[in-house]
Amino acid sequence: MGAVTEADRFWEKPLAALNRAEWEALCDGCGKCCLHKLEDADTGEVHPTNVACKLLDRDTARCTNYRGRRAFVPDCIRLDAGNVGRFAWLPSTCAYRLRAAGETLPEWHYLICGDREAVHRAGQSVRGWTVAEGEAGDLEWHVIDREL
């Protein structure tokens, strides 16, 4: 195996310089952005829940219909370099959030360690602690106090 070049480490480039494939590859697959959130009407504060979007595979923490998700979940956010900074509710470990702030990716990110399962072993994904949207009932009962 040859030396890793700067081109190989695309995740270190500014977000605006990433092509579509690089942008998509930056996602760590944690699934945290696919949890329902509640916004306080008075304060605007966003509170995460443990309720997974109906399209989220709760075992893999991946969307079951990523390409067509907006047809089924019209308010699903499509992150891009221009809007990623507007979503304070993104997990503190989110690769898009970290890179937008000029920070490095965590050691468990698959682009760093080469292992897509590392995010789950590190306890940084939604695997094992979410509730299916169709079974949850009122979201107010599912607000979590853990940091995402």
Protein backbone atom coordinates (compact mmCIF):
# COMPACT_ATOMS: atom_id res chain seq x y z
CA MET A 1 0.00 0.00 0.00
CA GLY A 2 1.38 3.40 -1.00
CA ALA A 3 1.59 6.57 0.99
CA VAL A 4 -1.65 8.44 1.65
CA THR A 5 -1.73 11.59 -0.43
CA GLU A 6 -3.58 14.83 0.24
CA ALA A 7 -6.07 13.86 -2.48
CA ASP A 8 -6.77 10.61 -0.61
CA ARG A 9 -7.66 12.61 2.50
CA PHE A 10 -10.51 14.50 0.87
CA TRP A 11 -12.26 14.92 4.24
CA GLU A 12 -9.63 17.48 5.20
CA LYS A 13 -10.66 19.81 2.36
CA PRO A 14 -13.09 22.66 3.04
CA LEU A 15 -16.68 21.42 2.72
CA ALA A 16 -17.35 23.68 -0.25
CA ALA A 17 -14.52 21.99 -2.16
CA LEU A 18 -15.96 18.47 -1.86
CA ASN A 19 -17.60 16.84 -4.86
CA ARG A 20 -20.92 15.01 -4.38
CA ALA A 21 -19.32 11.58 -3.82
CA GLU A 22 -16.88 13.01 -1.26
CA TRP A 23 -19.71 14.87 0.48
CA GLU A 24 -21.77 11.71 0.83
CA ALA A 25 -18.74 9.70 1.96
CA LEU A 26 -18.14 12.15 4.81
CA CYS A 27 -21.21 10.86 6.68
CA ASP A 28 -20.21 8.53 9.52
CA GLY A 29 -23.52 6.64 9.44
CA CYS A 30 -24.49 7.34 13.04
CA GLY A 31 -28.17 7.98 12.22
CA LYS A 32 -28.51 10.68 14.90
CA CYS A 33 -29.72 13.28 12.41
CA CYS A 34 -32.59 10.90 11.59
CA LEU A 35 -34.12 11.12 15.06
CA HIS A 36 -37.25 13.19 15.53
CA LYS A 37 -36.77 16.49 17.30
CA LEU A 38 -39.17 18.82 19.07
CA GLU A 39 -38.80 22.58 18.99
CA ASP A 40 -39.92 24.66 21.94
CA ALA A 41 -42.35 27.23 20.53
CA ASP A 42 -41.32 29.84 23.11
CA THR A 43 -37.55 29.48 23.13
CA GLY A 44 -36.79 27.87 19.77
CA GLU A 45 -34.68 25.29 21.59
CA VAL A 46 -34.57 21.92 19.83
CA HIS A 47 -34.91 18.75 21.91
CA PRO A 48 -33.93 15.37 20.42
CA THR A 49 -36.02 12.26 20.97
CA ASN A 50 -35.20 8.58 20.75
CA VAL A 51 -37.77 8.15 17.97
CA ALA A 52 -36.29 7.14 14.64
CA CYS A 53 -37.56 8.38 11.30
CA LYS A 54 -39.77 5.80 9.61
CA LEU A 55 -37.10 5.29 6.95
CA LEU A 56 -34.22 4.67 9.35
CA ASP A 57 -33.06 1.09 9.70
CA ARG A 58 -32.52 1.03 13.45
CA ASP A 59 -30.00 -1.84 13.23
CA THR A 60 -27.72 -0.36 10.58
CA ALA A 61 -28.46 3.33 11.40
CA ARG A 62 -28.84 3.96 7.66
CA CYS A 63 -31.74 5.30 5.63
CA THR A 64 -33.66 2.58 3.83
CA ASN A 65 -34.53 4.88 0.93
CA TYR A 66 -31.90 7.60 0.93
CA ARG A 67 -32.35 8.64 -2.71
CA GLY A 68 -36.14 8.84 -2.48
CA ARG A 69 -36.46 9.90 1.15
CA ARG A 70 -37.93 13.34 0.47
CA ALA A 71 -40.94 11.75 -1.27
CA PHE A 72 -41.79 9.97 1.99
CA VAL A 73 -40.39 12.49 4.49
CA PRO A 74 -40.82 15.93 2.85
CA ASP A 75 -39.20 17.80 5.76
CA CYS A 76 -36.04 15.67 5.65
CA ILE A 77 -33.09 18.06 5.55
CA ARG A 78 -30.54 17.86 2.79
CA LEU A 79 -27.30 19.15 4.23
CA ASP A 80 -24.88 21.05 2.06
CA ALA A 81 -21.87 23.27 2.60
CA GLY A 82 -24.09 26.35 2.61
CA ASN A 83 -26.57 25.25 5.26
CA VAL A 84 -24.72 22.90 7.60
CA GLY A 85 -23.89 25.74 9.99
CA ARG A 86 -27.56 26.62 10.45
CA PHE A 87 -28.46 23.40 12.23
CA ALA A 88 -27.30 23.63 15.83
CA TRP A 89 -29.10 20.36 16.55
CA LEU A 90 -26.60 18.35 14.50
CA PRO A 91 -24.73 15.94 16.76
CA SER A 92 -21.51 17.28 18.23
CA THR A 93 -19.73 14.36 16.56
CA CYS A 94 -21.27 14.96 13.11
CA ALA A 95 -18.52 14.98 10.48
CA TYR A 96 -20.23 17.81 8.57
CA ARG A 97 -20.47 19.92 11.72
CA LEU A 98 -16.88 19.16 12.72
CA ARG A 99 -15.44 19.94 9.30
CA ALA A 100 -17.53 23.13 8.97
CA ALA A 101 -15.85 24.26 12.20
CA GLY A 102 -12.40 23.30 10.87
CA GLU A 103 -12.10 20.39 13.31
CA THR A 104 -10.75 16.91 12.63
CA LEU A 105 -12.78 13.72 12.45
CA PRO A 106 -12.88 11.46 15.51
CA GLU A 107 -10.70 8.36 15.63
CA TRP A 108 -13.76 6.07 15.27
CA HIS A 109 -14.85 7.69 11.99
CA TYR A 110 -14.55 5.08 9.26
CA LEU A 111 -12.52 7.41 7.04
CA ILE A 112 -9.90 7.52 9.80
CA CYS A 113 -9.97 3.92 11.05
CA GLY A 114 -11.25 2.10 7.95
CA ASP A 115 -14.06 0.32 9.81
CA ARG A 116 -17.75 1.19 9.24
CA GLU A 117 -18.71 -0.63 12.46
CA ALA A 118 -16.44 1.52 14.64
CA VAL A 119 -19.12 4.23 15.00
CA HIS A 120 -21.40 1.63 16.61
CA ARG A 121 -18.73 0.10 18.86
CA ALA A 122 -17.81 3.59 20.06
CA GLY A 123 -21.43 4.13 21.14
CA GLN A 124 -21.80 7.02 18.70
CA SER A 125 -24.75 5.70 16.69
CA VAL A 126 -28.46 5.20 17.25
CA ARG A 127 -28.11 1.42 17.14
CA GLY A 128 -29.79 -0.22 20.11
CA TRP A 129 -31.56 2.69 21.79
CA THR A 130 -34.22 4.05 19.46
CA VAL A 131 -37.95 3.50 19.08
CA ALA A 132 -39.71 3.04 15.75
CA GLU A 133 -41.78 6.03 14.64
CA GLY A 134 -44.86 3.84 14.12
CA GLU A 135 -44.70 2.51 17.68
CA ALA A 136 -43.72 5.66 19.59
CA GLY A 137 -46.93 7.55 20.18
CA ASP A 138 -46.52 11.13 21.43
CA LEU A 139 -43.02 12.44 20.84
CA GLU A 140 -43.13 14.44 24.07
CA TRP A 141 -42.74 11.18 25.99
CA HIS A 142 -39.53 10.38 24.12
CA VAL A 143 -37.40 13.48 24.67
CA ILE A 144 -33.90 12.44 25.70
CA ASP A 145 -31.41 14.23 27.88
CA ARG A 146 -28.28 12.70 26.38
CA GLU A 147 -26.06 14.76 24.15
CA LEU A 148 -26.17 13.72 20.54
